Amino acid sequence: MVKPPPKAKSKLEENVEIAEWPRNSRGQTNRVTLRSYGGHALFDVRTWWLGDDHIVHPGKGFSCRLKDLPRLAAAVQNALERAKGLGLLDGEGGE
């Protein structure tokens, strides 16, 4: 029996920060990164918060494999256009 070739491991050796912006007045931030987990390269959107120990901790978020990133990007672009069309966004900013 022939064994299948091993799966390719992620080539990300460290996290790559793409964007970060404040979430609220309590010091939480939203951060977008490319990261590796379990040998897979991931796109990650997560809330980070500063604890009483003065260490920044990850909170709730969302990750997907990079192979799904084009589909996610198209969905986000569609949501942006729909929100603008519905008058929910002013220009490039938020609410």
PDB file of N, CA and C in Angstrom:
ATOM      1  N   MET A   1       0.845  -1.182   0.000  1.00  0.00           N
ATOM      2  CA  MET A   1       0.000   0.000   0.000  1.00  0.00           C
ATOM      3  C   MET A   1       0.893   1.248   0.000  1.00  0.00           C
ATOM      4  N   VAL A   2       0.568   2.181  -0.866  1.00  0.00           N
ATOM      5  CA  VAL A   2       1.343   3.409  -0.986  1.00  0.00           C
ATOM      6  C   VAL A   2       0.759   4.464  -0.056  1.00  0.00           C
ATOM      7  N   LYS A   3       1.644   5.076   0.736  1.00  0.00           N
ATOM      8  CA  LYS A   3       1.199   6.125   1.652  1.00  0.00           C
ATOM      9  C   LYS A   3       1.051   7.433   0.888  1.00  0.00           C
ATOM     10  N   PRO A   4       0.016   8.222   1.212  1.00  0.00           N
ATOM     11  CA  PRO A   4      -0.119   9.536   0.569  1.00  0.00           C
ATOM     12  C   PRO A   4       1.009  10.448   1.041  1.00  0.00           C
ATOM     13  N   PRO A   5       1.358  11.432   0.227  1.00  0.00           N
ATOM     14  CA  PRO A   5       2.415  12.362   0.658  1.00  0.00           C
ATOM     15  C   PRO A   5       1.976  13.121   1.898  1.00  0.00           C
ATOM     16  N   PRO A   6       2.928  13.507   2.745  1.00  0.00           N
ATOM     17  CA  PRO A   6       2.544  14.258   3.951  1.00  0.00           C
ATOM     18  C   PRO A   6       1.956  15.605   3.575  1.00  0.00           C
ATOM     19  N   LYS A   7       1.026  16.036   4.403  1.00  0.00           N
ATOM     20  CA  LYS A   7       0.409  17.346   4.165  1.00  0.00           C
ATOM     21  C   LYS A   7       1.444  18.440   4.370  1.00  0.00           C
ATOM     22  N   ALA A   8       1.337  19.479   3.555  1.00  0.00           N
ATOM     23  CA  ALA A   8       2.255  20.604   3.679  1.00  0.00           C
ATOM     24  C   ALA A   8       1.989  21.332   4.990  1.00  0.00           C
ATOM     25  N   LYS A   9       3.047  21.670   5.679  1.00  0.00           N
ATOM     26  CA  LYS A   9       2.931  22.416   6.922  1.00  0.00           C
ATOM     27  C   LYS A   9       2.890  23.911   6.616  1.00  0.00           C
ATOM     28  N   SER A  10       2.360  24.658   7.534  1.00  0.00           N
ATOM     29  CA  SER A  10       2.304  26.103   7.389  1.00  0.00           C
ATOM     30  C   SER A  10       3.706  26.672   7.272  1.00  0.00           C
ATOM     31  N   LYS A  11       3.873  27.661   6.402  1.00  0.00           N
ATOM     32  CA  LYS A  11       5.163  28.315   6.247  1.00  0.00           C
ATOM     33  C   LYS A  11       5.276  29.547   7.132  1.00  0.00           C
ATOM     34  N   LEU A  12       4.259  29.797   7.935  1.00  0.00           N
ATOM     35  CA  LEU A  12       4.306  30.938   8.854  1.00  0.00           C
ATOM     36  C   LEU A  12       5.088  30.542  10.099  1.00  0.00           C
ATOM     37  N   GLU A  13       6.194  31.212  10.326  1.00  0.00           N
ATOM     38  CA  GLU A  13       6.990  30.922  11.508  1.00  0.00           C
ATOM     39  C   GLU A  13       6.631  31.834  12.669  1.00  0.00           C
ATOM     40  N   GLU A  14       5.989  32.960  12.363  1.00  0.00           N
ATOM     41  CA  GLU A  14       5.507  33.864  13.402  1.00  0.00           C
ATOM     42  C   GLU A  14       4.253  34.561  12.896  1.00  0.00           C
ATOM     43  N   ASN A  15       3.479  35.093  13.837  1.00  0.00           N
ATOM     44  CA  ASN A  15       2.251  35.789  13.454  1.00  0.00           C
ATOM     45  C   ASN A  15       2.575  37.027  12.627  1.00  0.00           C
ATOM     46  N   VAL A  16       1.696  37.320  11.666  1.00  0.00           N
ATOM     47  CA  VAL A  16       1.826  38.512  10.843  1.00  0.00           C
ATOM     48  C   VAL A  16       0.620  39.393  11.132  1.00  0.00           C
ATOM     49  N   GLU A  17       0.868  40.543  11.771  1.00  0.00           N
ATOM     50  CA  GLU A  17      -0.232  41.446  12.100  1.00  0.00           C
ATOM     51  C   GLU A  17      -0.613  42.244  10.860  1.00  0.00           C
ATOM     52  N   ILE A  18      -1.900  42.212  10.514  1.00  0.00           N
ATOM     53  CA  ILE A  18      -2.410  42.902   9.334  1.00  0.00           C
ATOM     54  C   ILE A  18      -3.019  44.244   9.718  1.00  0.00           C
ATOM     55  N   ALA A  19      -3.829  44.266  10.766  1.00  0.00           N
ATOM     56  CA  ALA A  19      -4.491  45.509  11.182  1.00  0.00           C
ATOM     57  C   ALA A  19      -4.898  45.400  12.645  1.00  0.00           C
ATOM     58  N   GLU A  20      -5.062  46.570  13.260  1.00  0.00           N
ATOM     59  CA  GLU A  20      -5.558  46.643  14.637  1.00  0.00           C
ATOM     60  C   GLU A  20      -6.253  47.988  14.819  1.00  0.00           C
ATOM     61  N   TRP A  21      -7.378  47.979  15.529  1.00  0.00           N
ATOM     62  CA  TRP A  21      -8.097  49.215  15.802  1.00  0.00           C
ATOM     63  C   TRP A  21      -8.830  49.081  17.135  1.00  0.00           C
ATOM     64  N   PRO A  22      -9.079  50.221  17.820  1.00  0.00           N
ATOM     65  CA  PRO A  22      -9.757  50.182  19.119  1.00  0.00           C
ATOM     66  C   PRO A  22     -11.182  49.661  18.975  1.00  0.00           C
ATOM     67  N   ARG A  23     -11.594  48.873  19.944  1.00  0.00           N
ATOM     68  CA  ARG A  23     -12.961  48.342  19.944  1.00  0.00           C
ATOM     69  C   ARG A  23     -13.885  49.179  20.820  1.00  0.00           C
ATOM     70  N   ASN A  24     -13.376  49.601  21.979  1.00  0.00           N
ATOM     71  CA  ASN A  24     -14.210  50.349  22.912  1.00  0.00           C
ATOM     72  C   ASN A  24     -13.337  51.175  23.853  1.00  0.00           C
ATOM     73  N   SER A  25     -13.982  51.866  24.790  1.00  0.00           N
ATOM     74  CA  SER A  25     -13.250  52.729  25.724  1.00  0.00           C
ATOM     75  C   SER A  25     -12.622  51.947  26.878  1.00  0.00           C
ATOM     76  N   ARG A  26     -12.883  50.654  26.962  1.00  0.00           N
ATOM     77  CA  ARG A  26     -12.309  49.829  28.034  1.00  0.00           C
ATOM     78  C   ARG A  26     -10.936  49.273  27.658  1.00  0.00           C
ATOM     79  N   GLY A  27     -10.407  49.712  26.524  1.00  0.00           N
ATOM     80  CA  GLY A  27      -9.062  49.287  26.136  1.00  0.00           C
ATOM     81  C   GLY A  27      -9.012  48.029  25.297  1.00  0.00           C
ATOM     82  N   GLN A  28     -10.143  47.490  24.914  1.00  0.00           N
ATOM     83  CA  GLN A  28     -10.137  46.322  24.039  1.00  0.00           C
ATOM     84  C   GLN A  28      -9.804  46.764  22.617  1.00  0.00           C
ATOM     85  N   THR A  29      -9.141  45.887  21.883  1.00  0.00           N
ATOM     86  CA  THR A  29      -8.821  46.157  20.484  1.00  0.00           C
ATOM     87  C   THR A  29      -9.239  44.967  19.627  1.00  0.00           C
ATOM     88  N   ASN A  30      -9.484  45.242  18.357  1.00  0.00           N
ATOM     89  CA  ASN A  30      -9.700  44.194  17.357  1.00  0.00           C
ATOM     90  C   ASN A  30      -8.393  44.057  16.595  1.00  0.00           C
ATOM     91  N   ARG A  31      -7.963  42.822  16.359  1.00  0.00           N
ATOM     92  CA  ARG A  31      -6.705  42.590  15.664  1.00  0.00           C
ATOM     93  C   ARG A  31      -6.917  41.530  14.583  1.00  0.00           C
ATOM     94  N   VAL A  32      -6.383  41.813  13.399  1.00  0.00           N
ATOM     95  CA  VAL A  32      -6.415  40.880  12.275  1.00  0.00           C
ATOM     96  C   VAL A  32      -4.993  40.377  12.058  1.00  0.00           C
ATOM     97  N   THR A  33      -4.826  39.056  12.052  1.00  0.00           N
ATOM     98  CA  THR A  33      -3.498  38.476  11.859  1.00  0.00           C
ATOM     99  C   THR A  33      -3.555  37.266  10.940  1.00  0.00           C
ATOM    100  N   LEU A  34      -2.407  36.939  10.388  1.00  0.00           N
ATOM    101  CA  LEU A  34      -2.174  35.639   9.771  1.00  0.00           C
ATOM    102  C   LEU A  34      -1.359  34.871  10.792  1.00  0.00           C
ATOM    103  N   ARG A  35      -1.797  33.662  11.128  1.00  0.00           N
ATOM    104  CA  ARG A  35      -1.087  32.895  12.148  1.00  0.00           C
ATOM    105  C   ARG A  35      -1.128  31.417  11.803  1.00  0.00           C
ATOM    106  N   SER A  36      -0.374  30.662  12.531  1.00  0.00           N
ATOM    107  CA  SER A  36      -0.309  29.229  12.310  1.00  0.00           C
ATOM    108  C   SER A  36      -0.842  28.509  13.538  1.00  0.00           C
ATOM    109  N   TYR A  37      -1.624  27.449  13.309  1.00  0.00           N
ATOM    110  CA  TYR A  37      -2.107  26.620  14.402  1.00  0.00           C
ATOM    111  C   TYR A  37      -2.262  25.201  13.885  1.00  0.00           C
ATOM    112  N   GLY A  38      -1.688  24.260  14.568  1.00  0.00           N
ATOM    113  CA  GLY A  38      -1.794  22.857  14.171  1.00  0.00           C
ATOM    114  C   GLY A  38      -1.245  22.593  12.778  1.00  0.00           C
ATOM    115  N   GLY A  39      -0.250  23.362  12.368  1.00  0.00           N
ATOM    116  CA  GLY A  39       0.351  23.171  11.059  1.00  0.00           C
ATOM    117  C   GLY A  39      -0.408  23.813   9.917  1.00  0.00           C
ATOM    118  N   HIS A  40      -1.452  24.578  10.247  1.00  0.00           N
ATOM    119  CA  HIS A  40      -2.252  25.238   9.214  1.00  0.00           C
ATOM    120  C   HIS A  40      -2.103  26.748   9.320  1.00  0.00           C
ATOM    121  N   ALA A  41      -1.981  27.413   8.187  1.00  0.00           N
ATOM    122  CA  ALA A  41      -1.959  28.873   8.149  1.00  0.00           C
ATOM    123  C   ALA A  41      -3.395  29.359   8.223  1.00  0.00           C
ATOM    124  N   LEU A  42      -3.642  30.327   9.102  1.00  0.00           N
ATOM    125  CA  LEU A  42      -4.994  30.809   9.350  1.00  0.00           C
ATOM    126  C   LEU A  42      -5.079  32.324   9.218  1.00  0.00           C
ATOM    127  N   PHE A  43      -6.262  32.785   8.846  1.00  0.00           N
ATOM    128  CA  PHE A  43      -6.648  34.185   8.910  1.00  0.00           C
ATOM    129  C   PHE A  43      -7.419  34.313  10.213  1.00  0.00           C
ATOM    130  N   ASP A  44      -7.075  35.297  11.051  1.00  0.00           N
ATOM    131  CA  ASP A  44      -7.651  35.379  12.385  1.00  0.00           C
ATOM    132  C   ASP A  44      -8.100  36.803  12.684  1.00  0.00           C
ATOM    133  N   VAL A  45      -9.333  36.951  13.150  1.00  0.00           N
ATOM    134  CA  VAL A  45      -9.861  38.227  13.635  1.00  0.00           C
ATOM    135  C   VAL A  45     -10.248  37.983  15.082  1.00  0.00           C
ATOM    136  N   ARG A  46      -9.676  38.779  15.989  1.00  0.00           N
ATOM    137  CA  ARG A  46      -9.885  38.507  17.402  1.00  0.00           C
ATOM    138  C   ARG A  46      -9.885  39.799  18.213  1.00  0.00           C
ATOM    139  N   THR A  47     -10.671  39.804  19.303  1.00  0.00           N
ATOM    140  CA  THR A  47     -10.649  40.885  20.278  1.00  0.00           C
ATOM    141  C   THR A  47      -9.547  40.580  21.286  1.00  0.00           C
ATOM    142  N   TRP A  48      -8.769  41.598  21.639  1.00  0.00           N
ATOM    143  CA  TRP A  48      -7.714  41.471  22.642  1.00  0.00           C
ATOM    144  C   TRP A  48      -8.012  42.450  23.761  1.00  0.00           C
ATOM    145  N   TRP A  49      -7.674  42.086  24.993  1.00  0.00           N
ATOM    146  CA  TRP A  49      -7.948  42.932  26.145  1.00  0.00           C
ATOM    147  C   TRP A  49      -6.780  42.910  27.105  1.00  0.00           C
ATOM    148  N   LEU A  50      -6.608  44.021  27.811  1.00  0.00           N
ATOM    149  CA  LEU A  50      -5.530  44.166  28.783  1.00  0.00           C
ATOM    150  C   LEU A  50      -6.040  43.737  30.147  1.00  0.00           C
ATOM    151  N   GLY A  51      -5.398  42.715  30.699  1.00  0.00           N
ATOM    152  CA  GLY A  51      -5.821  42.197  31.993  1.00  0.00           C
ATOM    153  C   GLY A  51      -5.238  42.983  33.155  1.00  0.00           C
ATOM    154  N   ASP A  52      -5.716  42.663  34.361  1.00  0.00           N
ATOM    155  CA  ASP A  52      -5.195  43.290  35.572  1.00  0.00           C
ATOM    156  C   ASP A  52      -3.711  42.990  35.759  1.00  0.00           C
ATOM    157  N   ASP A  53      -3.241  41.920  35.109  1.00  0.00           N
ATOM    158  CA  ASP A  53      -1.831  41.537  35.190  1.00  0.00           C
ATOM    159  C   ASP A  53      -0.971  42.306  34.183  1.00  0.00           C
ATOM    160  N   HIS A  54      -1.591  43.269  33.482  1.00  0.00           N
ATOM    161  CA  HIS A  54      -0.919  44.111  32.486  1.00  0.00           C
ATOM    162  C   HIS A  54      -0.407  43.300  31.291  1.00  0.00           C
ATOM    163  N   ILE A  55      -1.042  42.174  31.037  1.00  0.00           N
ATOM    164  CA  ILE A  55      -0.738  41.349  29.873  1.00  0.00           C
ATOM    165  C   ILE A  55      -1.932  41.392  28.942  1.00  0.00           C
ATOM    166  N   VAL A  56      -1.668  41.505  27.647  1.00  0.00           N
ATOM    167  CA  VAL A  56      -2.735  41.526  26.650  1.00  0.00           C
ATOM    168  C   VAL A  56      -3.155  40.083  26.369  1.00  0.00           C
ATOM    169  N   HIS A  57      -4.452  39.811  26.503  1.00  0.00           N
ATOM    170  CA  HIS A  57      -4.996  38.464  26.349  1.00  0.00           C
ATOM    171  C   HIS A  57      -5.916  38.386  25.135  1.00  0.00           C
ATOM    172  N   PRO A  58      -5.913  37.240  24.425  1.00  0.00           N
ATOM    173  CA  PRO A  58      -6.866  37.073  23.328  1.00  0.00           C
ATOM    174  C   PRO A  58      -8.257  36.796  23.873  1.00  0.00           C
ATOM    175  N   GLY A  59      -9.246  37.307  23.161  1.00  0.00           N
ATOM    176  CA  GLY A  59     -10.630  37.058  23.538  1.00  0.00           C
ATOM    177  C   GLY A  59     -11.342  36.312  22.430  1.00  0.00           C
ATOM    178  N   LYS A  60     -12.610  36.578  22.297  1.00  0.00           N
ATOM    179  CA  LYS A  60     -13.408  35.915  21.275  1.00  0.00           C
ATOM    180  C   LYS A  60     -12.949  36.332  19.895  1.00  0.00           C
ATOM    181  N   GLY A  61     -13.136  35.437  18.936  1.00  0.00           N
ATOM    182  CA  GLY A  61     -12.726  35.764  17.586  1.00  0.00           C
ATOM    183  C   GLY A  61     -13.153  34.712  16.590  1.00  0.00           C
ATOM    184  N   PHE A  62     -12.542  34.816  15.432  1.00  0.00           N
ATOM    185  CA  PHE A  62     -12.876  33.954  14.297  1.00  0.00           C
ATOM    186  C   PHE A  62     -11.602  33.636  13.531  1.00  0.00           C
ATOM    187  N   SER A  63     -11.426  32.390  13.153  1.00  0.00           N
ATOM    188  CA  SER A  63     -10.299  31.987  12.312  1.00  0.00           C
ATOM    189  C   SER A  63     -10.807  31.131  11.165  1.00  0.00           C
ATOM    190  N   CYS A  64     -10.123  31.226  10.030  1.00  0.00           N
ATOM    191  CA  CYS A  64     -10.414  30.325   8.921  1.00  0.00           C
ATOM    192  C   CYS A  64      -9.110  30.009   8.197  1.00  0.00           C
ATOM    193  N   ARG A  65      -9.087  28.884   7.518  1.00  0.00           N
ATOM    194  CA  ARG A  65      -7.901  28.520   6.745  1.00  0.00           C
ATOM    195  C   ARG A  65      -7.733  29.486   5.587  1.00  0.00           C
ATOM    196  N   LEU A  66      -6.492  29.702   5.205  1.00  0.00           N
ATOM    197  CA  LEU A  66      -6.213  30.667   4.143  1.00  0.00           C
ATOM    198  C   LEU A  66      -6.855  30.282   2.824  1.00  0.00           C
ATOM    199  N   LYS A  67      -7.105  28.994   2.599  1.00  0.00           N
ATOM    200  CA  LYS A  67      -7.757  28.598   1.345  1.00  0.00           C
ATOM    201  C   LYS A  67      -9.170  29.179   1.250  1.00  0.00           C
ATOM    202  N   ASP A  68      -9.777  29.517   2.401  1.00  0.00           N
ATOM    203  CA  ASP A  68     -11.121  30.101   2.424  1.00  0.00           C
ATOM    204  C   ASP A  68     -11.103  31.623   2.435  1.00  0.00           C
ATOM    205  N   LEU A  69      -9.916  32.224   2.490  1.00  0.00           N
ATOM    206  CA  LEU A  69      -9.821  33.683   2.583  1.00  0.00           C
ATOM    207  C   LEU A  69     -10.428  34.411   1.386  1.00  0.00           C
ATOM    208  N   PRO A  70     -10.232  33.961   0.135  1.00  0.00           N
ATOM    209  CA  PRO A  70     -10.888  34.671  -0.974  1.00  0.00           C
ATOM    210  C   PRO A  70     -12.414  34.694  -0.861  1.00  0.00           C
ATOM    211  N   ARG A  71     -13.003  33.605  -0.420  1.00  0.00           N
ATOM    212  CA  ARG A  71     -14.462  33.552  -0.245  1.00  0.00           C
ATOM    213  C   ARG A  71     -14.899  34.493   0.878  1.00  0.00           C
ATOM    214  N   LEU A  72     -14.146  34.513   1.973  1.00  0.00           N
ATOM    215  CA  LEU A  72     -14.450  35.413   3.079  1.00  0.00           C
ATOM    216  C   LEU A  72     -14.308  36.873   2.647  1.00  0.00           C
ATOM    217  N   ALA A  73     -13.244  37.187   1.905  1.00  0.00           N
ATOM    218  CA  ALA A  73     -13.032  38.558   1.433  1.00  0.00           C
ATOM    219  C   ALA A  73     -14.192  39.013   0.543  1.00  0.00           C
ATOM    220  N   ALA A  74     -14.668  38.129  -0.322  1.00  0.00           N
ATOM    221  CA  ALA A  74     -15.803  38.467  -1.183  1.00  0.00           C
ATOM    222  C   ALA A  74     -17.059  38.698  -0.347  1.00  0.00           C
ATOM    223  N   ALA A  75     -17.260  37.896   0.688  1.00  0.00           N
ATOM    224  CA  ALA A  75     -18.429  38.063   1.551  1.00  0.00           C
ATOM    225  C   ALA A  75     -18.357  39.384   2.323  1.00  0.00           C
ATOM    226  N   VAL A  76     -17.162  39.742   2.814  1.00  0.00           N
ATOM    227  CA  VAL A  76     -17.005  41.004   3.541  1.00  0.00           C
ATOM    228  C   VAL A  76     -17.227  42.186   2.595  1.00  0.00           C
ATOM    229  N   GLN A  77     -16.711  42.096   1.375  1.00  0.00           N
ATOM    230  CA  GLN A  77     -16.918  43.165   0.395  1.00  0.00           C
ATOM    231  C   GLN A  77     -18.407  43.319   0.080  1.00  0.00           C
ATOM    232  N   ASN A  78     -19.096  42.200  -0.064  1.00  0.00           N
ATOM    233  CA  ASN A  78     -20.545  42.227  -0.321  1.00  0.00           C
ATOM    234  C   ASN A  78     -21.280  42.868   0.856  1.00  0.00           C
ATOM    235  N   ALA A  79     -20.888  42.503   2.091  1.00  0.00           N
ATOM    236  CA  ALA A  79     -21.529  43.083   3.275  1.00  0.00           C
ATOM    237  C   ALA A  79     -21.277  44.587   3.350  1.00  0.00           C
ATOM    238  N   LEU A  80     -20.072  45.020   3.007  1.00  0.00           N
ATOM    239  CA  LEU A  80     -19.744  46.448   3.015  1.00  0.00           C
ATOM    240  C   LEU A  80     -20.609  47.214   2.018  1.00  0.00           C
ATOM    241  N   GLU A  81     -20.725  46.683   0.810  1.00  0.00           N
ATOM    242  CA  GLU A  81     -21.541  47.338  -0.218  1.00  0.00           C
ATOM    243  C   GLU A  81     -23.016  47.375   0.181  1.00  0.00           C
ATOM    244  N   ARG A  82     -23.516  46.272   0.760  1.00  0.00           N
ATOM    245  CA  ARG A  82     -24.918  46.227   1.181  1.00  0.00           C
ATOM    246  C   ARG A  82     -25.175  47.209   2.318  1.00  0.00           C
ATOM    247  N   ALA A  83     -24.244  47.275   3.289  1.00  0.00           N
ATOM    248  CA  ALA A  83     -24.404  48.192   4.421  1.00  0.00           C
ATOM    249  C   ALA A  83     -24.410  49.640   3.939  1.00  0.00           C
ATOM    250  N   LYS A  84     -23.522  49.969   2.997  1.00  0.00           N
ATOM    251  CA  LYS A  84     -23.515  51.320   2.439  1.00  0.00           C
ATOM    252  C   LYS A  84     -24.814  51.596   1.697  1.00  0.00           C
ATOM    253  N   GLY A  85     -25.273  50.631   0.914  1.00  0.00           N
ATOM    254  CA  GLY A  85     -26.520  50.790   0.166  1.00  0.00           C
ATOM    255  C   GLY A  85     -27.727  50.978   1.057  1.00  0.00           C
ATOM    256  N   LEU A  86     -27.681  50.406   2.238  1.00  0.00           N
ATOM    257  CA  LEU A  86     -28.783  50.540   3.202  1.00  0.00           C
ATOM    258  C   LEU A  86     -28.637  51.776   4.088  1.00  0.00           C
ATOM    259  N   GLY A  87     -27.568  52.550   3.838  1.00  0.00           N
ATOM    260  CA  GLY A  87     -27.352  53.757   4.630  1.00  0.00           C
ATOM    261  C   GLY A  87     -26.820  53.498   6.033  1.00  0.00           C
ATOM    262  N   LEU A  88     -26.249  52.313   6.251  1.00  0.00           N
ATOM    263  CA  LEU A  88     -25.742  51.962   7.578  1.00  0.00           C
ATOM    264  C   LEU A  88     -24.329  52.460   7.831  1.00  0.00           C
ATOM    265  N   LEU A  89     -23.619  52.838   6.769  1.00  0.00           N
ATOM    266  CA  LEU A  89     -22.255  53.352   6.878  1.00  0.00           C
ATOM    267  C   LEU A  89     -22.137  54.672   6.142  1.00  0.00           C
ATOM    268  N   ASP A  90     -21.339  55.547   6.679  1.00  0.00           N
ATOM    269  CA  ASP A  90     -21.039  56.815   6.018  1.00  0.00           C
ATOM    270  C   ASP A  90     -19.640  56.736   5.438  1.00  0.00           C
ATOM    271  N   GLY A  91     -19.507  56.705   4.141  1.00  0.00           N
ATOM    272  CA  GLY A  91     -18.184  56.691   3.500  1.00  0.00           C
ATOM    273  C   GLY A  91     -17.349  55.509   3.939  1.00  0.00           C
ATOM    274  N   GLU A  92     -16.092  55.797   4.312  1.00  0.00           N
ATOM    275  CA  GLU A  92     -15.156  54.737   4.695  1.00  0.00           C
ATOM    276  C   GLU A  92     -15.200  54.428   6.179  1.00  0.00           C
ATOM    277  N   GLY A  93     -15.787  55.317   6.972  1.00  0.00           N
ATOM    278  CA  GLY A  93     -15.773  55.122   8.426  1.00  0.00           C
ATOM    279  C   GLY A  93     -16.843  54.161   8.881  1.00  0.00           C
ATOM    280  N   GLY A  94     -17.012  54.089  10.184  1.00  0.00           N
ATOM    281  CA  GLY A  94     -18.015  53.220  10.782  1.00  0.00           C
ATOM    282  C   GLY A  94     -19.312  53.966  11.003  1.00  0.00           C
ATOM    283  N   GLU A  95     -20.020  53.553  12.036  1.00  0.00           N
ATOM    284  CA  GLU A  95     -21.320  54.140  12.361  1.00  0.00           C
ATOM    285  C   GLU A  95     -21.192  55.603  12.729  1.00  0.00           C
TER     286      GLU A  95
END
